[in-house]
Amino acid sequence: MSRNGRAGFVAACLLACLAGGASPSQAQQGSGRGAAGPRGAAALSPDTVRVGDPFTLGVSIAGAQDATVQFPPLLTLGAELEQLRPVDTEWQSEGGGQWRARYRLAAWKAGTWDIPDLRIEWQGSEVSLTPPPIHVTSVLPSASEGPIPLDGPRGPNRIRGFPWWLLLLLLALLLLWWLLRRLRRTEEAEVEEAWRDPAVDAREALARLKRDLEGGEVDLAAFYDGLEEALRKYLAARRGWPRERPVREFVDGVTEKRRLEDVEAGLRSLQSRSGLVRFAHIEAAETMALSDADACLAWVDAEEAEAA
């Protein structure tokens, strides 16, 4: 072989080696380069998701920190995909320096969906990157799996071995004890009310009125009203006299029957002065009012002695 032939063969071999050393773009990691542009790549994390689960589209492009790089803030997506928030960009010094962008996305329909090409502005030129497709699986079971079995409603957890009948028995005993105690209190109140002595009540009421008059806590009109009320209660208990009727009618009735021995002179004078004080507003002396209370007390004592 001549010298010219050997030189041509060597040149052909060198061209073949250079052509074979070029690396093609990958399938699951998109890449691209513009005219005299930088290296770029796009990847998904993860590349397979379920419907509604978010995933991240990461984009990187080589360049210095002071390089002018503009990523698209919003992607033009189909109805199956949605961008959840704007792009997040940062510069990293790894690998000689590169710009990275992250897009947070979500898919709303099962299937394999392509993401449109990204067009990035770099130093006044445009770089195009093709992201890999996203694989979206359904959250529903497949037809071969059949429907998901549904369990019935769950009630409260039962305590095994607990003697519920003992608890019910204790509640019944507690209710019975409460009822017996309530009945006993009612019977005691009725007995106390039934055995109250009307003479004792009358004497206590008359003594209280005298103390109030002497202490200036009641006036004469209120004093005589109190005497009237005390005598009404006593007559109602001892002789069955209606409490709504005044004592004057009782005194008059006894007088008409000419049973003056049953009516004391002090009691008759009390009725006269009581009417004057209540209706004519003529004030009686305090000493006379106290004497009227003593007359009422003496009349009650006489009634009790006659009943005994």
C-alpha atoms as a PDB file:
ATOM      1  CA  MET A   1       0.000   0.000   0.000  1.00  0.00           C
ATOM      2  CA  SER A   2       1.351   3.363  -0.930  1.00  0.00           C
ATOM      3  CA  ARG A   3       1.954   6.169   1.548  1.00  0.00           C
ATOM      4  CA  ASN A   4      -1.197   8.055   0.418  1.00  0.00           C
ATOM      5  CA  GLY A   5      -3.350   4.944   0.835  1.00  0.00           C
ATOM      6  CA  ARG A   6      -2.113   4.339   4.350  1.00  0.00           C
ATOM      7  CA  ALA A   7      -2.847   7.971   5.335  1.00  0.00           C
ATOM      8  CA  GLY A   8      -6.411   7.717   4.034  1.00  0.00           C
ATOM      9  CA  PHE A   9      -7.030   4.486   5.963  1.00  0.00           C
ATOM     10  CA  VAL A  10      -5.842   6.028   9.232  1.00  0.00           C
ATOM     11  CA  ALA A  11      -8.075   9.091   8.739  1.00  0.00           C
ATOM     12  CA  ALA A  12     -11.059   6.859   8.098  1.00  0.00           C
ATOM     13  CA  CYS A  13     -10.383   4.912  11.297  1.00  0.00           C
ATOM     14  CA  LEU A  14     -10.131   8.108  13.358  1.00  0.00           C
ATOM     15  CA  LEU A  15     -13.474   9.374  12.004  1.00  0.00           C
ATOM     16  CA  ALA A  16     -15.131   6.044  12.818  1.00  0.00           C
ATOM     17  CA  CYS A  17     -13.828   6.158  16.417  1.00  0.00           C
ATOM     18  CA  LEU A  18     -15.076   9.709  16.941  1.00  0.00           C
ATOM     19  CA  ALA A  19     -18.495   8.822  15.576  1.00  0.00           C
ATOM     20  CA  GLY A  20     -18.797   5.769  17.823  1.00  0.00           C
ATOM     21  CA  GLY A  21     -17.904   7.726  21.006  1.00  0.00           C
ATOM     22  CA  ALA A  22     -21.055   9.992  20.929  1.00  0.00           C
ATOM     23  CA  SER A  23     -23.620   8.951  23.642  1.00  0.00           C
ATOM     24  CA  PRO A  24     -27.352   8.857  22.705  1.00  0.00           C
ATOM     25  CA  SER A  25     -30.082  10.379  24.934  1.00  0.00           C
ATOM     26  CA  GLN A  26     -31.661   8.100  27.600  1.00  0.00           C
ATOM     27  CA  ALA A  27     -35.311   6.936  27.552  1.00  0.00           C
ATOM     28  CA  GLN A  28     -36.443   7.530  31.187  1.00  0.00           C
ATOM     29  CA  GLN A  29     -34.331  10.647  31.716  1.00  0.00           C
ATOM     30  CA  GLY A  30     -35.040  13.308  29.171  1.00  0.00           C
ATOM     31  CA  SER A  31     -32.195  15.412  27.873  1.00  0.00           C
ATOM     32  CA  GLY A  32     -31.596  18.053  25.265  1.00  0.00           C
ATOM     33  CA  ARG A  33     -29.279  20.766  24.005  1.00  0.00           C
ATOM     34  CA  GLY A  34     -29.858  23.871  21.989  1.00  0.00           C
ATOM     35  CA  ALA A  35     -27.523  25.304  19.395  1.00  0.00           C
ATOM     36  CA  ALA A  36     -24.197  25.598  21.271  1.00  0.00           C
ATOM     37  CA  GLY A  37     -26.252  25.321  24.486  1.00  0.00           C
ATOM     38  CA  PRO A  38     -25.464  23.658  27.847  1.00  0.00           C
ATOM     39  CA  ARG A  39     -26.244  20.108  28.922  1.00  0.00           C
ATOM     40  CA  GLY A  40     -29.693  19.557  30.463  1.00  0.00           C
ATOM     41  CA  ALA A  41     -31.751  16.690  31.908  1.00  0.00           C
ATOM     42  CA  ALA A  42     -35.260  16.064  33.271  1.00  0.00           C
ATOM     43  CA  ALA A  43     -36.317  13.248  35.636  1.00  0.00           C
ATOM     44  CA  LEU A  44     -39.385  12.173  37.651  1.00  0.00           C
ATOM     45  CA  SER A  45     -39.415  11.168  41.309  1.00  0.00           C
ATOM     46  CA  PRO A  46     -41.137   8.766  41.503  1.00  0.00           C
ATOM     47  CA  ASP A  47     -41.919   7.744  37.942  1.00  0.00           C
ATOM     48  CA  THR A  48     -44.966   5.651  38.954  1.00  0.00           C
ATOM     49  CA  VAL A  49     -47.671   7.006  41.253  1.00  0.00           C
ATOM     50  CA  ARG A  50     -51.285   6.381  42.157  1.00  0.00           C
ATOM     51  CA  VAL A  51     -54.136   8.692  41.244  1.00  0.00           C
ATOM     52  CA  GLY A  52     -53.977  11.813  43.411  1.00  0.00           C
ATOM     53  CA  ASP A  53     -50.467  11.222  44.772  1.00  0.00           C
ATOM     54  CA  PRO A  54     -48.021  14.109  44.201  1.00  0.00           C
ATOM     55  CA  PHE A  55     -44.721  13.626  42.378  1.00  0.00           C
ATOM     56  CA  THR A  56     -41.762  15.852  41.458  1.00  0.00           C
ATOM     57  CA  LEU A  57     -40.411  16.772  38.041  1.00  0.00           C
ATOM     58  CA  GLY A  58     -36.742  17.713  38.445  1.00  0.00           C
ATOM     59  CA  VAL A  59     -34.927  19.707  35.748  1.00  0.00           C
ATOM     60  CA  SER A  60     -31.188  20.499  35.709  1.00  0.00           C
ATOM     61  CA  ILE A  61     -29.105  22.555  33.284  1.00  0.00           C
ATOM     62  CA  ALA A  62     -25.354  23.175  33.439  1.00  0.00           C
ATOM     63  CA  GLY A  63     -24.238  26.739  33.905  1.00  0.00           C
ATOM     64  CA  ALA A  64     -22.379  29.176  36.105  1.00  0.00           C
ATOM     65  CA  GLN A  65     -24.079  30.966  38.977  1.00  0.00           C
ATOM     66  CA  ASP A  66     -24.001  34.291  37.160  1.00  0.00           C
ATOM     67  CA  ALA A  67     -25.572  32.791  34.032  1.00  0.00           C
ATOM     68  CA  THR A  68     -28.990  34.070  32.975  1.00  0.00           C
ATOM     69  CA  VAL A  69     -31.386  31.090  33.271  1.00  0.00           C
ATOM     70  CA  GLN A  70     -35.187  31.340  33.153  1.00  0.00           C
ATOM     71  CA  PHE A  71     -37.355  28.265  33.846  1.00  0.00           C
ATOM     72  CA  PRO A  72     -41.080  28.421  32.918  1.00  0.00           C
ATOM     73  CA  PRO A  73     -42.993  29.129  36.172  1.00  0.00           C
ATOM     74  CA  LEU A  74     -46.097  27.202  35.049  1.00  0.00           C
ATOM     75  CA  LEU A  75     -46.293  24.191  32.766  1.00  0.00           C
ATOM     76  CA  THR A  76     -48.869  23.708  30.036  1.00  0.00           C
ATOM     77  CA  LEU A  77     -50.401  20.380  31.087  1.00  0.00           C
ATOM     78  CA  GLY A  78     -53.333  18.304  29.954  1.00  0.00           C
ATOM     79  CA  ALA A  79     -56.504  17.706  31.905  1.00  0.00           C
ATOM     80  CA  GLU A  80     -55.022  14.562  33.481  1.00  0.00           C
ATOM     81  CA  LEU A  81     -52.157  16.427  35.189  1.00  0.00           C
ATOM     82  CA  GLU A  82     -52.023  19.430  37.512  1.00  0.00           C
ATOM     83  CA  GLN A  83     -49.221  21.622  38.825  1.00  0.00           C
ATOM     84  CA  LEU A  84     -49.635  22.016  42.577  1.00  0.00           C
ATOM     85  CA  ARG A  85     -47.380  25.052  43.112  1.00  0.00           C
ATOM     86  CA  PRO A  86     -44.982  27.319  41.168  1.00  0.00           C
ATOM     87  CA  VAL A  87     -41.497  26.196  40.237  1.00  0.00           C
ATOM     88  CA  ASP A  88     -38.729  26.142  42.854  1.00  0.00           C
ATOM     89  CA  THR A  89     -35.252  26.974  41.462  1.00  0.00           C
ATOM     90  CA  GLU A  90     -31.752  26.936  42.945  1.00  0.00           C
ATOM     91  CA  TRP A  91     -28.079  26.859  41.847  1.00  0.00           C
ATOM     92  CA  GLN A  92     -25.702  24.107  43.014  1.00  0.00           C
ATOM     93  CA  SER A  93     -21.952  23.955  42.663  1.00  0.00           C
ATOM     94  CA  GLU A  94     -21.865  20.184  42.075  1.00  0.00           C
ATOM     95  CA  GLY A  95     -20.461  18.958  38.752  1.00  0.00           C
ATOM     96  CA  GLY A  96     -18.970  22.301  37.847  1.00  0.00           C
ATOM     97  CA  GLY A  97     -22.165  24.184  38.646  1.00  0.00           C
ATOM     98  CA  GLN A  98     -25.740  23.686  37.494  1.00  0.00           C
ATOM     99  CA  TRP A  99     -29.181  25.221  37.822  1.00  0.00           C
ATOM    100  CA  ARG A 100     -32.018  23.001  39.121  1.00  0.00           C
ATOM    101  CA  ALA A 101     -35.774  23.428  39.073  1.00  0.00           C
ATOM    102  CA  ARG A 102     -38.483  21.360  40.802  1.00  0.00           C
ATOM    103  CA  TYR A 103     -42.110  21.153  39.733  1.00  0.00           C
ATOM    104  CA  ARG A 104     -44.641  19.619  42.143  1.00  0.00           C
ATOM    105  CA  LEU A 105     -47.302  17.796  40.088  1.00  0.00           C
ATOM    106  CA  ALA A 106     -50.231  15.404  40.556  1.00  0.00           C
ATOM    107  CA  ALA A 107     -52.189  13.114  38.225  1.00  0.00           C
ATOM    108  CA  TRP A 108     -55.971  12.638  38.434  1.00  0.00           C
ATOM    109  CA  LYS A 109     -56.488   9.821  35.953  1.00  0.00           C
ATOM    110  CA  ALA A 110     -54.907   6.388  35.583  1.00  0.00           C
ATOM    111  CA  GLY A 111     -52.677   5.791  32.573  1.00  0.00           C
ATOM    112  CA  THR A 112     -49.330   6.840  31.083  1.00  0.00           C
ATOM    113  CA  TRP A 113     -49.188  10.532  30.387  1.00  0.00           C
ATOM    114  CA  ASP A 114     -46.598  12.600  28.531  1.00  0.00           C
ATOM    115  CA  ILE A 115     -45.357  15.860  29.963  1.00  0.00           C
ATOM    116  CA  PRO A 116     -44.857  18.608  27.354  1.00  0.00           C
ATOM    117  CA  ASP A 117     -41.347  19.724  26.461  1.00  0.00           C
ATOM    118  CA  LEU A 118     -39.745  22.322  28.689  1.00  0.00           C
ATOM    119  CA  ARG A 119     -38.377  25.395  26.978  1.00  0.00           C
ATOM    120  CA  ILE A 120     -35.740  27.075  29.126  1.00  0.00           C
ATOM    121  CA  GLU A 121     -34.125  30.415  28.329  1.00  0.00           C
ATOM    122  CA  TRP A 122     -30.339  30.265  28.803  1.00  0.00           C
ATOM    123  CA  GLN A 123     -28.133  33.236  28.068  1.00  0.00           C
ATOM    124  CA  GLY A 124     -30.592  34.618  25.524  1.00  0.00           C
ATOM    125  CA  SER A 125     -31.044  31.276  23.736  1.00  0.00           C
ATOM    126  CA  GLU A 126     -33.674  28.540  24.159  1.00  0.00           C
ATOM    127  CA  VAL A 127     -32.961  25.041  25.466  1.00  0.00           C
ATOM    128  CA  SER A 128     -35.612  22.338  25.003  1.00  0.00           C
ATOM    129  CA  LEU A 129     -35.911  19.327  27.357  1.00  0.00           C
ATOM    130  CA  THR A 130     -38.276  16.372  26.979  1.00  0.00           C
ATOM    131  CA  PRO A 131     -39.380  14.921  30.368  1.00  0.00           C
ATOM    132  CA  PRO A 132     -40.097  11.196  30.639  1.00  0.00           C
ATOM    133  CA  PRO A 133     -43.755  10.081  30.824  1.00  0.00           C
ATOM    134  CA  ILE A 134     -45.463   9.500  34.177  1.00  0.00           C
ATOM    135  CA  HIS A 135     -47.173   6.179  34.905  1.00  0.00           C
ATOM    136  CA  VAL A 136     -50.340   6.549  36.999  1.00  0.00           C
ATOM    137  CA  THR A 137     -52.096   3.561  38.587  1.00  0.00           C
ATOM    138  CA  SER A 138     -55.687   3.488  39.836  1.00  0.00           C
ATOM    139  CA  VAL A 139     -56.580   3.327  43.517  1.00  0.00           C
ATOM    140  CA  LEU A 140     -59.447   0.940  42.710  1.00  0.00           C
ATOM    141  CA  PRO A 141     -58.903  -2.826  42.566  1.00  0.00           C
ATOM    142  CA  SER A 142     -58.654  -4.436  39.177  1.00  0.00           C
ATOM    143  CA  ALA A 143     -61.475  -6.520  37.748  1.00  0.00           C
ATOM    144  CA  SER A 144     -59.581  -9.737  38.503  1.00  0.00           C
ATOM    145  CA  GLU A 145     -59.312  -8.882  42.200  1.00  0.00           C
ATOM    146  CA  GLY A 146     -63.071  -8.446  42.699  1.00  0.00           C
ATOM    147  CA  PRO A 147     -64.785  -6.033  45.088  1.00  0.00           C
ATOM    148  CA  ILE A 148     -63.187  -5.162  48.383  1.00  0.00           C
ATOM    149  CA  PRO A 149     -64.886  -7.088  51.235  1.00  0.00           C
ATOM    150  CA  LEU A 150     -66.813  -4.816  53.555  1.00  0.00           C
ATOM    151  CA  ASP A 151     -67.014  -5.536  57.261  1.00  0.00           C
ATOM    152  CA  GLY A 152     -70.149  -4.834  59.276  1.00  0.00           C
ATOM    153  CA  PRO A 153     -70.394  -2.066  61.861  1.00  0.00           C
ATOM    154  CA  ARG A 154     -68.251  -2.586  64.908  1.00  0.00           C
ATOM    155  CA  GLY A 155     -69.708  -2.014  68.325  1.00  0.00           C
ATOM    156  CA  PRO A 156     -67.867  -1.270  71.554  1.00  0.00           C
ATOM    157  CA  ASN A 157     -65.404  -3.878  72.688  1.00  0.00           C
ATOM    158  CA  ARG A 158     -67.048  -6.195  75.152  1.00  0.00           C
ATOM    159  CA  ILE A 159     -65.264  -6.964  78.399  1.00  0.00           C
ATOM    160  CA  ARG A 160     -65.145 -10.714  78.604  1.00  0.00           C
ATOM    161  CA  GLY A 161     -65.934 -12.263  81.926  1.00  0.00           C
ATOM    162  CA  PHE A 162     -67.250  -9.073  83.577  1.00  0.00           C
ATOM    163  CA  PRO A 163     -70.248  -9.826  85.882  1.00  0.00           C
ATOM    164  CA  TRP A 164     -72.759  -7.347  84.484  1.00  0.00           C
ATOM    165  CA  TRP A 165     -75.517  -8.876  86.596  1.00  0.00           C
ATOM    166  CA  LEU A 166     -73.632  -7.826  89.725  1.00  0.00           C
ATOM    167  CA  LEU A 167     -73.536  -4.215  88.560  1.00  0.00           C
ATOM    168  CA  LEU A 168     -77.283  -4.250  87.854  1.00  0.00           C
ATOM    169  CA  LEU A 169     -77.932  -5.730  91.292  1.00  0.00           C
ATOM    170  CA  LEU A 170     -75.938  -2.978  92.976  1.00  0.00           C
ATOM    171  CA  LEU A 171     -77.844  -0.316  91.055  1.00  0.00           C
ATOM    172  CA  ALA A 172     -81.168  -1.890  92.086  1.00  0.00           C
ATOM    173  CA  LEU A 173     -80.119  -1.970  95.757  1.00  0.00           C
ATOM    174  CA  LEU A 174     -79.016   1.664  95.576  1.00  0.00           C
ATOM    175  CA  LEU A 175     -82.378   2.697  94.101  1.00  0.00           C
ATOM    176  CA  LEU A 176     -84.261   0.740  96.784  1.00  0.00           C
ATOM    177  CA  TRP A 177     -82.223   2.375  99.549  1.00  0.00           C
ATOM    178  CA  TRP A 178     -82.967   5.839  98.140  1.00  0.00           C
ATOM    179  CA  LEU A 179     -86.713   5.141  97.952  1.00  0.00           C
ATOM    180  CA  LEU A 180     -86.862   3.814 101.524  1.00  0.00           C
ATOM    181  CA  ARG A 181     -84.967   6.830 102.823  1.00  0.00           C
ATOM    182  CA  ARG A 182     -87.298   9.193 100.987  1.00  0.00           C
ATOM    183  CA  LEU A 183     -90.398   7.436 102.372  1.00  0.00           C
ATOM    184  CA  ARG A 184     -88.976   7.501 105.890  1.00  0.00           C
ATOM    185  CA  ARG A 185     -88.331  11.228 105.702  1.00  0.00           C
ATOM    186  CA  THR A 186     -91.866  11.829 104.440  1.00  0.00           C
ATOM    187  CA  GLU A 187     -93.375   9.781 107.272  1.00  0.00           C
ATOM    188  CA  GLU A 188     -91.274  11.575 109.877  1.00  0.00           C
ATOM    189  CA  ALA A 189     -92.361  14.957 108.505  1.00  0.00           C
ATOM    190  CA  GLU A 190     -96.004  13.923 108.577  1.00  0.00           C
ATOM    191  CA  VAL A 191     -95.722  12.635 112.155  1.00  0.00           C
ATOM    192  CA  GLU A 192     -94.052  15.826 113.322  1.00  0.00           C
ATOM    193  CA  GLU A 193     -96.720  17.944 111.627  1.00  0.00           C
ATOM    194  CA  ALA A 194     -99.549  15.776 113.007  1.00  0.00           C
ATOM    195  CA  TRP A 195     -98.280  15.916 116.595  1.00  0.00           C
ATOM    196  CA  ARG A 196     -97.703  19.644 116.846  1.00  0.00           C
ATOM    197  CA  ASP A 197     -99.529  21.045 119.882  1.00  0.00           C
ATOM    198  CA  PRO A 198    -101.658  24.081 118.915  1.00  0.00           C
ATOM    199  CA  ALA A 199    -101.398  25.482 122.453  1.00  0.00           C
ATOM    200  CA  VAL A 200     -97.591  25.442 122.242  1.00  0.00           C
ATOM    201  CA  ASP A 201     -97.701  27.194 118.872  1.00  0.00           C
ATOM    202  CA  ALA A 202    -100.107  29.832 120.206  1.00  0.00           C
ATOM    203  CA  ARG A 203     -97.986  30.528 123.302  1.00  0.00           C
ATOM    204  CA  GLU A 204     -94.821  30.847 121.184  1.00  0.00           C
ATOM    205  CA  ALA A 205     -96.530  33.195 118.724  1.00  0.00           C
ATOM    206  CA  LEU A 206     -97.894  35.425 121.534  1.00  0.00           C
ATOM    207  CA  ALA A 207     -94.524  35.597 123.263  1.00  0.00           C
ATOM    208  CA  ARG A 208     -92.811  36.487 119.993  1.00  0.00           C
ATOM    209  CA  LEU A 209     -95.304  39.293 119.344  1.00  0.00           C
ATOM    210  CA  LYS A 210     -94.706  40.748 122.795  1.00  0.00           C
ATOM    211  CA  ARG A 211     -90.932  40.735 122.248  1.00  0.00           C
ATOM    212  CA  ASP A 212     -91.292  42.394 118.840  1.00  0.00           C
ATOM    213  CA  LEU A 213     -93.585  45.112 120.219  1.00  0.00           C
ATOM    214  CA  GLU A 214     -91.303  45.845 123.146  1.00  0.00           C
ATOM    215  CA  GLY A 215     -88.283  45.949 120.817  1.00  0.00           C
ATOM    216  CA  GLY A 216     -90.017  48.293 118.379  1.00  0.00           C
ATOM    217  CA  GLU A 217     -89.868  45.808 115.470  1.00  0.00           C
ATOM    218  CA  VAL A 218     -93.660  45.926 114.863  1.00  0.00           C
ATOM    219  CA  ASP A 219     -96.239  48.665 115.213  1.00  0.00           C
ATOM    220  CA  LEU A 220     -99.590  48.326 116.970  1.00  0.00           C
ATOM    221  CA  ALA A 221    -101.509  47.481 113.793  1.00  0.00           C
ATOM    222  CA  ALA A 222     -99.128  44.655 112.918  1.00  0.00           C
ATOM    223  CA  PHE A 223     -99.207  43.548 116.556  1.00  0.00           C
ATOM    224  CA  TYR A 224    -102.995  43.136 116.613  1.00  0.00           C
ATOM    225  CA  ASP A 225    -102.914  41.412 113.232  1.00  0.00           C
ATOM    226  CA  GLY A 226    -100.493  38.934 114.735  1.00  0.00           C
ATOM    227  CA  LEU A 227    -102.784  38.345 117.714  1.00  0.00           C
ATOM    228  CA  GLU A 228    -105.669  37.704 115.314  1.00  0.00           C
ATOM    229  CA  GLU A 229    -103.629  35.198 113.290  1.00  0.00           C
ATOM    230  CA  ALA A 230    -102.427  33.337 116.393  1.00  0.00           C
ATOM    231  CA  LEU A 231    -105.999  32.981 117.698  1.00  0.00           C
ATOM    232  CA  ARG A 232    -107.249  31.812 114.261  1.00  0.00           C
ATOM    233  CA  LYS A 233    -104.687  29.028 114.133  1.00  0.00           C
ATOM    234  CA  TYR A 234    -105.506  27.940 117.669  1.00  0.00           C
ATOM    235  CA  LEU A 235    -109.281  27.904 117.077  1.00  0.00           C
ATOM    236  CA  ALA A 236    -108.826  26.006 113.807  1.00  0.00           C
ATOM    237  CA  ALA A 237    -106.809  23.301 115.580  1.00  0.00           C
ATOM    238  CA  ARG A 238    -108.894  23.055 118.755  1.00  0.00           C
ATOM    239  CA  ARG A 239    -112.474  23.778 117.627  1.00  0.00           C
ATOM    240  CA  GLY A 240    -112.317  23.389 113.848  1.00  0.00           C
ATOM    241  CA  TRP A 241    -112.979  27.081 113.277  1.00  0.00           C
ATOM    242  CA  PRO A 242    -112.302  28.080 109.608  1.00  0.00           C
ATOM    243  CA  ARG A 243    -109.057  30.040 109.411  1.00  0.00           C
ATOM    244  CA  GLU A 244    -110.437  32.418 106.800  1.00  0.00           C
ATOM    245  CA  ARG A 245    -113.115  33.652 109.254  1.00  0.00           C
ATOM    246  CA  PRO A 246    -112.173  36.342 111.822  1.00  0.00           C
ATOM    247  CA  VAL A 247    -112.089  35.643 115.547  1.00  0.00           C
ATOM    248  CA  ARG A 248    -114.740  38.339 116.069  1.00  0.00           C
ATOM    249  CA  GLU A 249    -117.360  36.096 114.505  1.00  0.00           C
ATOM    250  CA  PHE A 250    -116.436  33.331 116.948  1.00  0.00           C
ATOM    251  CA  VAL A 251    -116.807  35.697 119.920  1.00  0.00           C
ATOM    252  CA  ASP A 252    -120.134  37.027 118.633  1.00  0.00           C
ATOM    253  CA  GLY A 253    -121.456  33.522 118.085  1.00  0.00           C
ATOM    254  CA  VAL A 254    -120.636  32.494 121.611  1.00  0.00           C
ATOM    255  CA  THR A 255    -122.268  35.661 122.957  1.00  0.00           C
ATOM    256  CA  GLU A 256    -125.481  35.094 120.978  1.00  0.00           C
ATOM    257  CA  LYS A 257    -125.749  31.652 122.499  1.00  0.00           C
ATOM    258  CA  ARG A 258    -125.405  33.321 125.910  1.00  0.00           C
ATOM    259  CA  ARG A 259    -122.405  31.212 126.790  1.00  0.00           C
ATOM    260  CA  LEU A 260    -120.537  34.121 128.303  1.00  0.00           C
ATOM    261  CA  GLU A 261    -118.640  31.767 130.569  1.00  0.00           C
ATOM    262  CA  ASP A 262    -116.630  30.631 127.514  1.00  0.00           C
ATOM    263  CA  VAL A 263    -115.530  34.144 126.634  1.00  0.00           C
ATOM    264  CA  GLU A 264    -113.182  36.145 128.805  1.00  0.00           C
ATOM    265  CA  ALA A 265    -113.674  39.873 129.278  1.00  0.00           C
ATOM    266  CA  GLY A 266    -110.137  40.509 128.111  1.00  0.00           C
ATOM    267  CA  LEU A 267    -110.795  38.713 124.825  1.00  0.00           C
ATOM    268  CA  ARG A 268    -113.891  40.858 124.153  1.00  0.00           C
ATOM    269  CA  SER A 269    -111.971  44.043 124.875  1.00  0.00           C
ATOM    270  CA  LEU A 270    -109.219  42.811 122.541  1.00  0.00           C
ATOM    271  CA  GLN A 271    -111.684  42.598 119.670  1.00  0.00           C
ATOM    272  CA  SER A 272    -112.842  46.181 120.268  1.00  0.00           C
ATOM    273  CA  ARG A 273    -109.344  47.662 120.389  1.00  0.00           C
ATOM    274  CA  SER A 274    -108.199  45.588 117.415  1.00  0.00           C
ATOM    275  CA  GLY A 275    -110.976  47.037 115.275  1.00  0.00           C
ATOM    276  CA  LEU A 276    -110.169  50.580 116.352  1.00  0.00           C
ATOM    277  CA  VAL A 277    -106.498  50.191 115.536  1.00  0.00           C
ATOM    278  CA  ARG A 278    -107.101  48.504 112.185  1.00  0.00           C
ATOM    279  CA  PHE A 279    -109.954  50.626 110.827  1.00  0.00           C
ATOM    280  CA  ALA A 280    -110.125  53.901 112.811  1.00  0.00           C
ATOM    281  CA  HIS A 281    -106.323  54.168 113.164  1.00  0.00           C
ATOM    282  CA  ILE A 282    -106.588  55.008 116.883  1.00  0.00           C
ATOM    283  CA  GLU A 283    -103.329  54.010 118.512  1.00  0.00           C
ATOM    284  CA  ALA A 284    -103.681  52.105 121.779  1.00  0.00           C
ATOM    285  CA  ALA A 285    -101.129  52.352 124.493  1.00  0.00           C
ATOM    286  CA  GLU A 286     -98.322  49.826 124.444  1.00  0.00           C
ATOM    287  CA  THR A 287     -99.094  48.682 127.967  1.00  0.00           C
ATOM    288  CA  MET A 288    -102.684  47.971 127.008  1.00  0.00           C
ATOM    289  CA  ALA A 289    -101.543  46.054 123.939  1.00  0.00           C
ATOM    290  CA  LEU A 290     -99.267  43.913 126.071  1.00  0.00           C
ATOM    291  CA  SER A 291    -102.207  43.347 128.411  1.00  0.00           C
ATOM    292  CA  ASP A 292    -104.279  42.158 125.480  1.00  0.00           C
ATOM    293  CA  ALA A 293    -101.556  39.624 124.629  1.00  0.00           C
ATOM    294  CA  ASP A 294    -101.615  38.413 128.223  1.00  0.00           C
ATOM    295  CA  ALA A 295    -105.411  38.123 127.995  1.00  0.00           C
ATOM    296  CA  CYS A 296    -105.091  35.963 124.887  1.00  0.00           C
ATOM    297  CA  LEU A 297    -102.502  33.798 126.630  1.00  0.00           C
ATOM    298  CA  ALA A 298    -104.785  33.426 129.662  1.00  0.00           C
ATOM    299  CA  TRP A 299    -107.676  32.452 127.384  1.00  0.00           C
ATOM    300  CA  VAL A 300    -105.544  29.783 125.686  1.00  0.00           C
ATOM    301  CA  ASP A 301    -104.530  28.409 129.088  1.00  0.00           C
ATOM    302  CA  ALA A 302    -108.166  28.327 130.164  1.00  0.00           C
ATOM    303  CA  GLU A 303    -109.162  26.479 126.981  1.00  0.00           C
ATOM    304  CA  GLU A 304    -106.432  23.917 127.557  1.00  0.00           C
ATOM    305  CA  ALA A 305    -107.431  23.434 131.168  1.00  0.00           C
ATOM    306  CA  GLU A 306    -111.083  22.930 130.175  1.00  0.00           C
ATOM    307  CA  ALA A 307    -110.080  20.435 127.437  1.00  0.00           C
ATOM    308  CA  ALA A 308    -107.984  18.458 129.907  1.00  0.00           C
END
